[in-house]
Structures are given as C-alpha cells and as structure tokens.
Amino acid sequence: MSAEPQTASLPEGFPETITFPFDSRIVSASGGKPPEYASRTYQVDGQVSDTVDSVVTFFTAMIEKNGYEILEIEKGYATLIRFDMIGFDYASVMVMDMSDDGTATFSISLIMDPEPE
C-alpha cells in the first residue's frame, strides 16, 4: 500500500498572490523573520508533472497578472525569473527539469523589504 506524497505547508505570511501550477507538490518551505534575519525571507521548493516551458509560462503569467514587474528572465540549464514589486527586496522563481521524467522542479525565493521601525 502506498501513501500519497506529503506536501509541506507554506510558511506563515507567505504572500497569497504567489500561486503554483495545478497539481504542484510543495517539497519544502521555510520562512524566517527578524531578529534572526534582517527582513522576512521565504524559500519554497516544489515539483509538478509538467514541462519546464509550461511551468515557466505559468509563473510568467502569474507574476504579470498579480502586478509584479519581471526584471529579467535568464535561460540556461535552469530558467530564472527575477521579479519585483513594492514590499520585495528580492524575488525570483527558478524552474528546471532535474530528472528528465517530465517532472519540473521550481524554487521560489522571496526577501521582503525590512519593516520600518
């Protein structure tokens, strides 16, 4: 008997406007906040049974639809999409195919602007 793969929970305060492709599985998720970190940070890693191109298209459309500005898209072994919006100090999505089995992996990194004191 096989169990369904477990999905990690998103960290508290993760922006609701950042969404994931249908049937994504969140493999790991972490968030840190002051005083350990200068600002709130998030790292979310996931997998989805889809092509890298489809996942890149999903994230590009999601970013634009939610009012974020795409700063740069770098293509190579992985595709890196850097984006920005008020409240972010750094934001990116990296999409790659690690296993050549049609499963794309993605990694989202967010660093929020420090909150005023």
PDB file of N, CA and C in Angstrom:
ATOM      1  N   MET A   1       0.847  -1.169   0.000  1.00  0.00           N
ATOM      2  CA  MET A   1       0.000   0.000   0.000  1.00  0.00           C
ATOM      3  C   MET A   1       0.896   1.237   0.000  1.00  0.00           C
ATOM      4  N   SER A   2       0.672   2.159  -0.932  1.00  0.00           N
ATOM      5  CA  SER A   2       1.484   3.367  -0.979  1.00  0.00           C
ATOM      6  C   SER A   2       0.681   4.557  -0.485  1.00  0.00           C
ATOM      7  N   ALA A   3       1.368   5.414   0.208  1.00  0.00           N
ATOM      8  CA  ALA A   3       0.726   6.615   0.741  1.00  0.00           C
ATOM      9  C   ALA A   3       0.913   7.759  -0.248  1.00  0.00           C
ATOM     10  N   GLU A   4       0.006   8.726  -0.213  1.00  0.00           N
ATOM     11  CA  GLU A   4       0.148   9.928  -1.027  1.00  0.00           C
ATOM     12  C   GLU A   4       1.373  10.697  -0.552  1.00  0.00           C
ATOM     13  N   PRO A   5       2.134  11.304  -1.458  1.00  0.00           N
ATOM     14  CA  PRO A   5       3.290  12.090  -1.022  1.00  0.00           C
ATOM     15  C   PRO A   5       2.826  13.268  -0.173  1.00  0.00           C
ATOM     16  N   GLN A   6       3.581  13.541   0.863  1.00  0.00           N
ATOM     17  CA  GLN A   6       3.243  14.640   1.750  1.00  0.00           C
ATOM     18  C   GLN A   6       3.619  15.968   1.101  1.00  0.00           C
ATOM     19  N   THR A   7       2.823  16.987   1.351  1.00  0.00           N
ATOM     20  CA  THR A   7       3.095  18.320   0.864  1.00  0.00           C
ATOM     21  C   THR A   7       3.417  19.202   2.056  1.00  0.00           C
ATOM     22  N   ALA A   8       4.521  19.933   1.968  1.00  0.00           N
ATOM     23  CA  ALA A   8       4.907  20.844   3.039  1.00  0.00           C
ATOM     24  C   ALA A   8       3.930  22.019   3.073  1.00  0.00           C
ATOM     25  N   SER A   9       3.766  22.600   4.237  1.00  0.00           N
ATOM     26  CA  SER A   9       2.901  23.772   4.394  1.00  0.00           C
ATOM     27  C   SER A   9       3.688  25.037   4.088  1.00  0.00           C
ATOM     28  N   LEU A  10       2.992  26.020   3.540  1.00  0.00           N
ATOM     29  CA  LEU A  10       3.640  27.304   3.295  1.00  0.00           C
ATOM     30  C   LEU A  10       3.859  28.025   4.622  1.00  0.00           C
ATOM     31  N   PRO A  11       4.959  28.766   4.732  1.00  0.00           N
ATOM     32  CA  PRO A  11       5.236  29.482   5.980  1.00  0.00           C
ATOM     33  C   PRO A  11       4.217  30.589   6.234  1.00  0.00           C
ATOM     34  N   GLU A  12       4.027  30.911   7.480  1.00  0.00           N
ATOM     35  CA  GLU A  12       3.113  31.988   7.876  1.00  0.00           C
ATOM     36  C   GLU A  12       3.531  33.287   7.197  1.00  0.00           C
ATOM     37  N   GLY A  13       2.579  33.986   6.630  1.00  0.00           N
ATOM     38  CA  GLY A  13       2.836  35.273   5.995  1.00  0.00           C
ATOM     39  C   GLY A  13       3.280  35.195   4.550  1.00  0.00           C
ATOM     40  N   PHE A  14       3.400  33.974   3.992  1.00  0.00           N
ATOM     41  CA  PHE A  14       3.794  33.847   2.583  1.00  0.00           C
ATOM     42  C   PHE A  14       2.750  34.569   1.725  1.00  0.00           C
ATOM     43  N   PRO A  15       3.177  35.419   0.784  1.00  0.00           N
ATOM     44  CA  PRO A  15       2.212  36.214   0.006  1.00  0.00           C
ATOM     45  C   PRO A  15       1.176  35.347  -0.715  1.00  0.00           C
ATOM     46  N   GLU A  16      -0.091  35.662  -0.510  1.00  0.00           N
ATOM     47  CA  GLU A  16      -1.185  34.904  -1.131  1.00  0.00           C
ATOM     48  C   GLU A  16      -1.226  35.093  -2.645  1.00  0.00           C
ATOM     49  N   THR A  17      -0.593  36.146  -3.145  1.00  0.00           N
ATOM     50  CA  THR A  17      -0.613  36.408  -4.582  1.00  0.00           C
ATOM     51  C   THR A  17       0.378  35.524  -5.338  1.00  0.00           C
ATOM     52  N   ILE A  18       1.258  34.838  -4.624  1.00  0.00           N
ATOM     53  CA  ILE A  18       2.182  33.904  -5.269  1.00  0.00           C
ATOM     54  C   ILE A  18       1.490  32.542  -5.287  1.00  0.00           C
ATOM     55  N   THR A  19       1.116  32.095  -6.487  1.00  0.00           N
ATOM     56  CA  THR A  19       0.395  30.831  -6.622  1.00  0.00           C
ATOM     57  C   THR A  19       1.263  29.832  -7.395  1.00  0.00           C
ATOM     58  N   PHE A  20       0.800  28.598  -7.434  1.00  0.00           N
ATOM     59  CA  PHE A  20       1.576  27.499  -8.012  1.00  0.00           C
ATOM     60  C   PHE A  20       0.772  26.789  -9.087  1.00  0.00           C
ATOM     61  N   PRO A  21       1.468  26.140 -10.041  1.00  0.00           N
ATOM     62  CA  PRO A  21       0.754  25.390 -11.072  1.00  0.00           C
ATOM     63  C   PRO A  21      -0.134  24.299 -10.465  1.00  0.00           C
ATOM     64  N   PHE A  22      -1.206  23.966 -11.174  1.00  0.00           N
ATOM     65  CA  PHE A  22      -2.131  22.918 -10.748  1.00  0.00           C
ATOM     66  C   PHE A  22      -1.362  21.622 -10.497  1.00  0.00           C
ATOM     67  N   ASP A  23      -1.707  20.931  -9.433  1.00  0.00           N
ATOM     68  CA  ASP A  23      -1.096  19.657  -9.042  1.00  0.00           C
ATOM     69  C   ASP A  23       0.359  19.778  -8.591  1.00  0.00           C
ATOM     70  N   SER A  24       0.775  20.988  -8.204  1.00  0.00           N
ATOM     71  CA  SER A  24       2.122  21.139  -7.648  1.00  0.00           C
ATOM     72  C   SER A  24       2.188  20.463  -6.289  1.00  0.00           C
ATOM     73  N   ARG A  25       3.370  19.968  -5.986  1.00  0.00           N
ATOM     74  CA  ARG A  25       3.622  19.413  -4.655  1.00  0.00           C
ATOM     75  C   ARG A  25       4.739  20.237  -4.042  1.00  0.00           C
ATOM     76  N   ILE A  26       4.458  20.852  -2.902  1.00  0.00           N
ATOM     77  CA  ILE A  26       5.462  21.639  -2.193  1.00  0.00           C
ATOM     78  C   ILE A  26       6.337  20.655  -1.422  1.00  0.00           C
ATOM     79  N   VAL A  27       7.609  20.609  -1.775  1.00  0.00           N
ATOM     80  CA  VAL A  27       8.549  19.662  -1.190  1.00  0.00           C
ATOM     81  C   VAL A  27       9.122  20.204   0.117  1.00  0.00           C
ATOM     82  N   SER A  28       9.457  21.486   0.130  1.00  0.00           N
ATOM     83  CA  SER A  28       9.960  22.113   1.346  1.00  0.00           C
ATOM     84  C   SER A  28       9.594  23.586   1.329  1.00  0.00           C
ATOM     85  N   ALA A  29       9.429  24.136   2.493  1.00  0.00           N
ATOM     86  CA  ALA A  29       9.091  25.557   2.617  1.00  0.00           C
ATOM     87  C   ALA A  29       9.619  26.057   3.948  1.00  0.00           C
ATOM     88  N   SER A  30      10.252  27.224   3.892  1.00  0.00           N
ATOM     89  CA  SER A  30      10.755  27.811   5.122  1.00  0.00           C
ATOM     90  C   SER A  30      10.575  29.315   5.072  1.00  0.00           C
ATOM     91  N   GLY A  31      10.520  29.892   6.229  1.00  0.00           N
ATOM     92  CA  GLY A  31      10.388  31.340   6.340  1.00  0.00           C
ATOM     93  C   GLY A  31      11.115  31.800   7.578  1.00  0.00           C
ATOM     94  N   GLY A  32      11.752  32.905   7.460  1.00  0.00           N
ATOM     95  CA  GLY A  32      12.441  33.475   8.607  1.00  0.00           C
ATOM     96  C   GLY A  32      12.059  34.931   8.761  1.00  0.00           C
ATOM     97  N   LYS A  33      12.151  35.415   9.958  1.00  0.00           N
ATOM     98  CA  LYS A  33      11.796  36.813  10.204  1.00  0.00           C
ATOM     99  C   LYS A  33      12.731  37.381  11.260  1.00  0.00           C
ATOM    100  N   PRO A  34      12.734  38.709  11.393  1.00  0.00           N
ATOM    101  CA  PRO A  34      13.571  39.318  12.417  1.00  0.00           C
ATOM    102  C   PRO A  34      13.241  38.732  13.784  1.00  0.00           C
ATOM    103  N   PRO A  35      14.173  38.662  14.715  1.00  0.00           N
ATOM    104  CA  PRO A  35      15.515  39.232  14.643  1.00  0.00           C
ATOM    105  C   PRO A  35      16.552  38.323  13.999  1.00  0.00           C
ATOM    106  N   GLU A  36      16.228  37.047  13.702  1.00  0.00           N
ATOM    107  CA  GLU A  36      17.222  36.153  13.094  1.00  0.00           C
ATOM    108  C   GLU A  36      17.659  36.648  11.722  1.00  0.00           C
ATOM    109  N   TYR A  37      16.758  37.224  10.971  1.00  0.00           N
ATOM    110  CA  TYR A  37      17.036  37.751   9.642  1.00  0.00           C
ATOM    111  C   TYR A  37      16.709  39.236   9.641  1.00  0.00           C
ATOM    112  N   ALA A  38      17.395  39.983   8.783  1.00  0.00           N
ATOM    113  CA  ALA A  38      17.148  41.428   8.736  1.00  0.00           C
ATOM    114  C   ALA A  38      15.729  41.737   8.264  1.00  0.00           C
ATOM    115  N   SER A  39      15.179  40.857   7.422  1.00  0.00           N
ATOM    116  CA  SER A  39      13.809  41.029   6.944  1.00  0.00           C
ATOM    117  C   SER A  39      13.186  39.646   6.809  1.00  0.00           C
ATOM    118  N   ARG A  40      11.895  39.607   6.526  1.00  0.00           N
ATOM    119  CA  ARG A  40      11.210  38.327   6.357  1.00  0.00           C
ATOM    120  C   ARG A  40      11.675  37.679   5.063  1.00  0.00           C
ATOM    121  N   THR A  41      12.030  36.398   5.129  1.00  0.00           N
ATOM    122  CA  THR A  41      12.509  35.663   3.965  1.00  0.00           C
ATOM    123  C   THR A  41      11.691  34.384   3.793  1.00  0.00           C
ATOM    124  N   TYR A  42      11.553  33.954   2.553  1.00  0.00           N
ATOM    125  CA  TYR A  42      10.830  32.721   2.248  1.00  0.00           C
ATOM    126  C   TYR A  42      11.599  31.930   1.198  1.00  0.00           C
ATOM    127  N   GLN A  43      11.592  30.623   1.346  1.00  0.00           N
ATOM    128  CA  GLN A  43      12.151  29.718   0.344  1.00  0.00           C
ATOM    129  C   GLN A  43      11.152  28.566   0.195  1.00  0.00           C
ATOM    130  N   VAL A  44      10.630  28.381  -1.007  1.00  0.00           N
ATOM    131  CA  VAL A  44       9.650  27.319  -1.269  1.00  0.00           C
ATOM    132  C   VAL A  44      10.137  26.517  -2.471  1.00  0.00           C
ATOM    133  N   ASP A  45      10.229  25.205  -2.299  1.00  0.00           N
ATOM    134  CA  ASP A  45      10.648  24.311  -3.373  1.00  0.00           C
ATOM    135  C   ASP A  45       9.515  23.344  -3.677  1.00  0.00           C
ATOM    136  N   GLY A  46       9.276  23.117  -4.972  1.00  0.00           N
ATOM    137  CA  GLY A  46       8.185  22.234  -5.342  1.00  0.00           C
ATOM    138  C   GLY A  46       8.459  21.465  -6.620  1.00  0.00           C
ATOM    139  N   GLN A  47       7.515  20.575  -6.933  1.00  0.00           N
ATOM    140  CA  GLN A  47       7.569  19.752  -8.138  1.00  0.00           C
ATOM    141  C   GLN A  47       6.186  19.739  -8.768  1.00  0.00           C
ATOM    142  N   VAL A  48       6.176  19.579 -10.077  1.00  0.00           N
ATOM    143  CA  VAL A  48       4.911  19.449 -10.794  1.00  0.00           C
ATOM    144  C   VAL A  48       5.159  18.593 -12.033  1.00  0.00           C
ATOM    145  N   SER A  49       4.212  17.729 -12.353  1.00  0.00           N
ATOM    146  CA  SER A  49       4.328  16.873 -13.537  1.00  0.00           C
ATOM    147  C   SER A  49       3.933  17.672 -14.764  1.00  0.00           C
ATOM    148  N   ASP A  50       4.879  18.438 -15.270  1.00  0.00           N
ATOM    149  CA  ASP A  50       4.644  19.268 -16.445  1.00  0.00           C
ATOM    150  C   ASP A  50       6.009  19.631 -17.027  1.00  0.00           C
ATOM    151  N   THR A  51       6.014  20.200 -18.211  1.00  0.00           N
ATOM    152  CA  THR A  51       7.267  20.581 -18.842  1.00  0.00           C
ATOM    153  C   THR A  51       7.799  21.873 -18.232  1.00  0.00           C
ATOM    154  N   VAL A  52       9.092  22.058 -18.342  1.00  0.00           N
ATOM    155  CA  VAL A  52       9.705  23.291 -17.859  1.00  0.00           C
ATOM    156  C   VAL A  52       9.078  24.490 -18.568  1.00  0.00           C
ATOM    157  N   ASP A  53       8.893  24.405 -19.888  1.00  0.00           N
ATOM    158  CA  ASP A  53       8.319  25.527 -20.634  1.00  0.00           C
ATOM    159  C   ASP A  53       6.924  25.891 -20.126  1.00  0.00           C
ATOM    160  N   SER A  54       6.086  24.894 -19.843  1.00  0.00           N
ATOM    161  CA  SER A  54       4.739  25.164 -19.330  1.00  0.00           C
ATOM    162  C   SER A  54       4.781  25.816 -17.952  1.00  0.00           C
ATOM    163  N   VAL A  55       5.704  25.357 -17.114  1.00  0.00           N
ATOM    164  CA  VAL A  55       5.809  25.917 -15.758  1.00  0.00           C
ATOM    165  C   VAL A  55       6.349  27.346 -15.820  1.00  0.00           C
ATOM    166  N   VAL A  56       7.312  27.602 -16.695  1.00  0.00           N
ATOM    167  CA  VAL A  56       7.817  28.965 -16.882  1.00  0.00           C
ATOM    168  C   VAL A  56       6.688  29.866 -17.375  1.00  0.00           C
ATOM    169  N   THR A  57       5.902  29.386 -18.343  1.00  0.00           N
ATOM    170  CA  THR A  57       4.765  30.157 -18.848  1.00  0.00           C
ATOM    171  C   THR A  57       3.774  30.455 -17.726  1.00  0.00           C
ATOM    172  N   PHE A  58       3.485  29.457 -16.861  1.00  0.00           N
ATOM    173  CA  PHE A  58       2.573  29.674 -15.741  1.00  0.00           C
ATOM    174  C   PHE A  58       3.094  30.777 -14.825  1.00  0.00           C
ATOM    175  N   PHE A  59       4.353  30.667 -14.383  1.00  0.00           N
ATOM    176  CA  PHE A  59       4.885  31.648 -13.437  1.00  0.00           C
ATOM    177  C   PHE A  59       4.990  33.036 -14.057  1.00  0.00           C
ATOM    178  N   THR A  60       5.371  33.121 -15.330  1.00  0.00           N
ATOM    179  CA  THR A  60       5.444  34.417 -16.005  1.00  0.00           C
ATOM    180  C   THR A  60       4.070  35.088 -16.026  1.00  0.00           C
ATOM    181  N   ALA A  61       3.035  34.334 -16.392  1.00  0.00           N
ATOM    182  CA  ALA A  61       1.672  34.876 -16.432  1.00  0.00           C
ATOM    183  C   ALA A  61       1.192  35.250 -15.030  1.00  0.00           C
ATOM    184  N   MET A  62       1.474  34.402 -14.027  1.00  0.00           N
ATOM    185  CA  MET A  62       1.056  34.681 -12.654  1.00  0.00           C
ATOM    186  C   MET A  62       1.704  35.959 -12.142  1.00  0.00           C
ATOM    187  N   ILE A  63       2.986  36.123 -12.415  1.00  0.00           N
ATOM    188  CA  ILE A  63       3.719  37.305 -11.960  1.00  0.00           C
ATOM    189  C   ILE A  63       3.112  38.567 -12.580  1.00  0.00           C
ATOM    190  N   GLU A  64       2.893  38.556 -13.885  1.00  0.00           N
ATOM    191  CA  GLU A  64       2.326  39.718 -14.567  1.00  0.00           C
ATOM    192  C   GLU A  64       0.891  39.988 -14.133  1.00  0.00           C
ATOM    193  N   LYS A  65       0.085  38.937 -13.987  1.00  0.00           N
ATOM    194  CA  LYS A  65      -1.320  39.077 -13.606  1.00  0.00           C
ATOM    195  C   LYS A  65      -1.460  39.713 -12.222  1.00  0.00           C
ATOM    196  N   ASN A  66      -0.536  39.403 -11.336  1.00  0.00           N
ATOM    197  CA  ASN A  66      -0.635  39.907  -9.962  1.00  0.00           C
ATOM    198  C   ASN A  66       0.078  41.239  -9.753  1.00  0.00           C
ATOM    199  N   GLY A  67       0.477  41.888 -10.845  1.00  0.00           N
ATOM    200  CA  GLY A  67       1.020  43.232 -10.762  1.00  0.00           C
ATOM    201  C   GLY A  67       2.494  43.331 -10.432  1.00  0.00           C
ATOM    202  N   TYR A  68       3.198  42.194 -10.472  1.00  0.00           N
ATOM    203  CA  TYR A  68       4.641  42.233 -10.253  1.00  0.00           C
ATOM    204  C   TYR A  68       5.326  42.619 -11.559  1.00  0.00           C
ATOM    205  N   GLU A  69       6.533  43.151 -11.458  1.00  0.00           N
ATOM    206  CA  GLU A  69       7.300  43.531 -12.633  1.00  0.00           C
ATOM    207  C   GLU A  69       8.407  42.508 -12.871  1.00  0.00           C
ATOM    208  N   ILE A  70       8.435  41.916 -14.056  1.00  0.00           N
ATOM    209  CA  ILE A  70       9.509  40.989 -14.396  1.00  0.00           C
ATOM    210  C   ILE A  70      10.749  41.820 -14.723  1.00  0.00           C
ATOM    211  N   LEU A  71      11.819  41.571 -13.990  1.00  0.00           N
ATOM    212  CA  LEU A  71      13.068  42.302 -14.188  1.00  0.00           C
ATOM    213  C   LEU A  71      13.966  41.626 -15.210  1.00  0.00           C
ATOM    214  N   GLU A  72      13.943  40.287 -15.205  1.00  0.00           N
ATOM    215  CA  GLU A  72      14.860  39.551 -16.060  1.00  0.00           C
ATOM    216  C   GLU A  72      14.431  38.092 -16.135  1.00  0.00           C
ATOM    217  N   ILE A  73      14.618  37.484 -17.292  1.00  0.00           N
ATOM    218  CA  ILE A  73      14.433  36.043 -17.450  1.00  0.00           C
ATOM    219  C   ILE A  73      15.725  35.501 -18.046  1.00  0.00           C
ATOM    220  N   GLU A  74      16.413  34.645 -17.293  1.00  0.00           N
ATOM    221  CA  GLU A  74      17.666  34.038 -17.748  1.00  0.00           C
ATOM    222  C   GLU A  74      17.389  32.581 -18.066  1.00  0.00           C
ATOM    223  N   LYS A  75      17.768  32.168 -19.273  1.00  0.00           N
ATOM    224  CA  LYS A  75      17.583  30.770 -19.665  1.00  0.00           C
ATOM    225  C   LYS A  75      18.927  30.104 -19.807  1.00  0.00           C
ATOM    226  N   GLY A  76      19.006  28.873 -19.347  1.00  0.00           N
ATOM    227  CA  GLY A  76      20.214  28.069 -19.425  1.00  0.00           C
ATOM    228  C   GLY A  76      19.846  26.682 -18.942  1.00  0.00           C
ATOM    229  N   TYR A  77      20.685  26.096 -18.101  1.00  0.00           N
ATOM    230  CA  TYR A  77      20.358  24.797 -17.510  1.00  0.00           C
ATOM    231  C   TYR A  77      19.030  24.894 -16.766  1.00  0.00           C
ATOM    232  N   ALA A  78      18.799  26.032 -16.142  1.00  0.00           N
ATOM    233  CA  ALA A  78      17.536  26.331 -15.469  1.00  0.00           C
ATOM    234  C   ALA A  78      17.047  27.671 -16.007  1.00  0.00           C
ATOM    235  N   THR A  79      15.766  27.959 -15.813  1.00  0.00           N
ATOM    236  CA  THR A  79      15.232  29.270 -16.167  1.00  0.00           C
ATOM    237  C   THR A  79      14.999  30.034 -14.878  1.00  0.00           C
ATOM    238  N   LEU A  80      15.593  31.220 -14.783  1.00  0.00           N
ATOM    239  CA  LEU A  80      15.451  32.070 -13.608  1.00  0.00           C
ATOM    240  C   LEU A  80      14.636  33.294 -13.992  1.00  0.00           C
ATOM    241  N   ILE A  81      13.551  33.513 -13.252  1.00  0.00           N
ATOM    242  CA  ILE A  81      12.704  34.689 -13.460  1.00  0.00           C
ATOM    243  C   ILE A  81      12.861  35.573 -12.223  1.00  0.00           C
ATOM    244  N   ARG A  82      13.470  36.741 -12.407  1.00  0.00           N
ATOM    245  CA  ARG A  82      13.578  37.697 -11.300  1.00  0.00           C
ATOM    246  C   ARG A  82      12.466  38.711 -11.466  1.00  0.00           C
ATOM    247  N   PHE A  83      11.779  39.029 -10.349  1.00  0.00           N
ATOM    248  CA  PHE A  83      10.680  39.980 -10.418  1.00  0.00           C
ATOM    249  C   PHE A  83      10.675  40.876  -9.195  1.00  0.00           C
ATOM    250  N   ASP A  84       9.848  41.923  -9.252  1.00  0.00           N
ATOM    251  CA  ASP A  84       9.842  42.923  -8.196  1.00  0.00           C
ATOM    252  C   ASP A  84       8.444  43.499  -8.026  1.00  0.00           C
ATOM    253  N   MET A  85       8.218  44.022  -6.842  1.00  0.00           N
ATOM    254  CA  MET A  85       7.003  44.766  -6.517  1.00  0.00           C
ATOM    255  C   MET A  85       7.273  45.476  -5.206  1.00  0.00           C
ATOM    256  N   ILE A  86       6.520  46.489  -4.925  1.00  0.00           N
ATOM    257  CA  ILE A  86       6.660  47.182  -3.646  1.00  0.00           C
ATOM    258  C   ILE A  86       6.533  46.152  -2.531  1.00  0.00           C
ATOM    259  N   GLY A  87       7.461  46.196  -1.603  1.00  0.00           N
ATOM    260  CA  GLY A  87       7.447  45.258  -0.489  1.00  0.00           C
ATOM    261  C   GLY A  87       8.482  44.155  -0.615  1.00  0.00           C
ATOM    262  N   PHE A  88       9.019  43.956  -1.836  1.00  0.00           N
ATOM    263  CA  PHE A  88      10.041  42.941  -2.048  1.00  0.00           C
ATOM    264  C   PHE A  88      11.415  43.594  -2.161  1.00  0.00           C
ATOM    265  N   ASP A  89      12.401  43.005  -1.522  1.00  0.00           N
ATOM    266  CA  ASP A  89      13.787  43.405  -1.710  1.00  0.00           C
ATOM    267  C   ASP A  89      14.397  42.523  -2.804  1.00  0.00           C
ATOM    268  N   TYR A  90      13.983  41.253  -2.857  1.00  0.00           N
ATOM    269  CA  TYR A  90      14.445  40.321  -3.881  1.00  0.00           C
ATOM    270  C   TYR A  90      13.365  39.262  -4.069  1.00  0.00           C
ATOM    271  N   ALA A  91      13.103  38.892  -5.329  1.00  0.00           N
ATOM    272  CA  ALA A  91      12.124  37.842  -5.609  1.00  0.00           C
ATOM    273  C   ALA A  91      12.534  37.116  -6.889  1.00  0.00           C
ATOM    274  N   SER A  92      12.488  35.778  -6.836  1.00  0.00           N
ATOM    275  CA  SER A  92      12.815  35.006  -8.033  1.00  0.00           C
ATOM    276  C   SER A  92      12.125  33.652  -8.000  1.00  0.00           C
ATOM    277  N   VAL A  93      11.965  33.095  -9.200  1.00  0.00           N
ATOM    278  CA  VAL A  93      11.499  31.728  -9.383  1.00  0.00           C
ATOM    279  C   VAL A  93      12.503  31.058 -10.309  1.00  0.00           C
ATOM    280  N   MET A  94      13.017  29.902  -9.893  1.00  0.00           N
ATOM    281  CA  MET A  94      13.899  29.110 -10.752  1.00  0.00           C
ATOM    282  C   MET A  94      13.153  27.833 -11.112  1.00  0.00           C
ATOM    283  N   VAL A  95      13.122  27.508 -12.408  1.00  0.00           N
ATOM    284  CA  VAL A  95      12.427  26.316 -12.889  1.00  0.00           C
ATOM    285  C   VAL A  95      13.431  25.453 -13.647  1.00  0.00           C
ATOM    286  N   MET A  96      13.422  24.143 -13.342  1.00  0.00           N
ATOM    287  CA  MET A  96      14.325  23.231 -14.040  1.00  0.00           C
ATOM    288  C   MET A  96      13.738  21.828 -14.080  1.00  0.00           C
ATOM    289  N   ASP A  97      14.326  21.009 -14.937  1.00  0.00           N
ATOM    290  CA  ASP A  97      13.950  19.604 -15.046  1.00  0.00           C
ATOM    291  C   ASP A  97      15.127  18.799 -14.514  1.00  0.00           C
ATOM    292  N   MET A  98      15.004  18.324 -13.290  1.00  0.00           N
ATOM    293  CA  MET A  98      16.111  17.635 -12.631  1.00  0.00           C
ATOM    294  C   MET A  98      16.217  16.164 -13.022  1.00  0.00           C
ATOM    295  N   SER A  99      15.107  15.546 -13.394  1.00  0.00           N
ATOM    296  CA  SER A  99      15.135  14.091 -13.531  1.00  0.00           C
ATOM    297  C   SER A  99      14.847  13.569 -14.936  1.00  0.00           C
ATOM    298  N   ASP A 100      14.591  14.441 -15.893  1.00  0.00           N
ATOM    299  CA  ASP A 100      14.275  14.037 -17.269  1.00  0.00           C
ATOM    300  C   ASP A 100      13.077  13.077 -17.358  1.00  0.00           C
ATOM    301  N   ASP A 101      12.174  13.165 -16.384  1.00  0.00           N
ATOM    302  CA  ASP A 101      10.991  12.293 -16.417  1.00  0.00           C
ATOM    303  C   ASP A 101       9.704  13.091 -16.618  1.00  0.00           C
ATOM    304  N   GLY A 102       9.840  14.348 -17.052  1.00  0.00           N
ATOM    305  CA  GLY A 102       8.660  15.175 -17.255  1.00  0.00           C
ATOM    306  C   GLY A 102       8.201  15.883 -16.002  1.00  0.00           C
ATOM    307  N   THR A 103       8.991  15.798 -14.937  1.00  0.00           N
ATOM    308  CA  THR A 103       8.656  16.494 -13.704  1.00  0.00           C
ATOM    309  C   THR A 103       9.533  17.730 -13.586  1.00  0.00           C
ATOM    310  N   ALA A 104       8.906  18.884 -13.596  1.00  0.00           N
ATOM    311  CA  ALA A 104       9.645  20.125 -13.427  1.00  0.00           C
ATOM    312  C   ALA A 104       9.738  20.442 -11.940  1.00  0.00           C
ATOM    313  N   THR A 105      10.856  21.004 -11.545  1.00  0.00           N
ATOM    314  CA  THR A 105      11.009  21.467 -10.172  1.00  0.00           C
ATOM    315  C   THR A 105      11.079  22.987 -10.201  1.00  0.00           C
ATOM    316  N   PHE A 106      10.634  23.597  -9.114  1.00  0.00           N
ATOM    317  CA  PHE A 106      10.715  25.054  -9.025  1.00  0.00           C
ATOM    318  C   PHE A 106      11.153  25.445  -7.623  1.00  0.00           C
ATOM    319  N   SER A 107      11.798  26.590  -7.565  1.00  0.00           N
ATOM    320  CA  SER A 107      12.281  27.129  -6.302  1.00  0.00           C
ATOM    321  C   SER A 107      11.963  28.618  -6.282  1.00  0.00           C
ATOM    322  N   ILE A 108      11.218  29.040  -5.274  1.00  0.00           N
ATOM    323  CA  ILE A 108      10.827  30.444  -5.140  1.00  0.00           C
ATOM    324  C   ILE A 108      11.577  31.031  -3.952  1.00  0.00           C
ATOM    325  N   SER A 109      12.265  32.142  -4.199  1.00  0.00           N
ATOM    326  CA  SER A 109      12.987  32.847  -3.138  1.00  0.00           C
ATOM    327  C   SER A 109      12.425  34.254  -3.027  1.00  0.00           C
ATOM    328  N   LEU A 110      12.027  34.626  -1.826  1.00  0.00           N
ATOM    329  CA  LEU A 110      11.493  35.972  -1.593  1.00  0.00           C
ATOM    330  C   LEU A 110      12.199  36.574  -0.379  1.00  0.00           C
ATOM    331  N   ILE A 111      12.620  37.807  -0.520  1.00  0.00           N
ATOM    332  CA  ILE A 111      13.119  38.566   0.620  1.00  0.00           C
ATOM    333  C   ILE A 111      12.289  39.846   0.655  1.00  0.00           C
ATOM    334  N   MET A 112      11.557  40.011   1.719  1.00  0.00           N
ATOM    335  CA  MET A 112      10.679  41.168   1.855  1.00  0.00           C
ATOM    336  C   MET A 112      11.495  42.374   2.330  1.00  0.00           C
ATOM    337  N   ASP A 113      11.059  43.582   1.954  1.00  0.00           N
ATOM    338  CA  ASP A 113      11.716  44.786   2.469  1.00  0.00           C
ATOM    339  C   ASP A 113      11.636  44.783   3.987  1.00  0.00           C
ATOM    340  N   PRO A 114      12.701  45.283   4.639  1.00  0.00           N
ATOM    341  CA  PRO A 114      12.625  45.395   6.101  1.00  0.00           C
ATOM    342  C   PRO A 114      11.464  46.291   6.512  1.00  0.00           C
ATOM    343  N   GLU A 115      10.807  45.928   7.591  1.00  0.00           N
ATOM    344  CA  GLU A 115       9.697  46.737   8.081  1.00  0.00           C
ATOM    345  C   GLU A 115      10.254  47.963   8.795  1.00  0.00           C
ATOM    346  N   PRO A 116       9.609  49.130   8.592  1.00  0.00           N
ATOM    347  CA  PRO A 116      10.090  50.332   9.264  1.00  0.00           C
ATOM    348  C   PRO A 116      10.014  50.185  10.782  1.00  0.00           C
ATOM    349  N   GLU A 117      10.967  50.803  11.441  1.00  0.00           N
ATOM    350  CA  GLU A 117      10.993  50.696  12.906  1.00  0.00           C
ATOM    351  C   GLU A 117      10.227  51.811  13.552  1.00  0.00           C
TER     352      GLU A 117
END
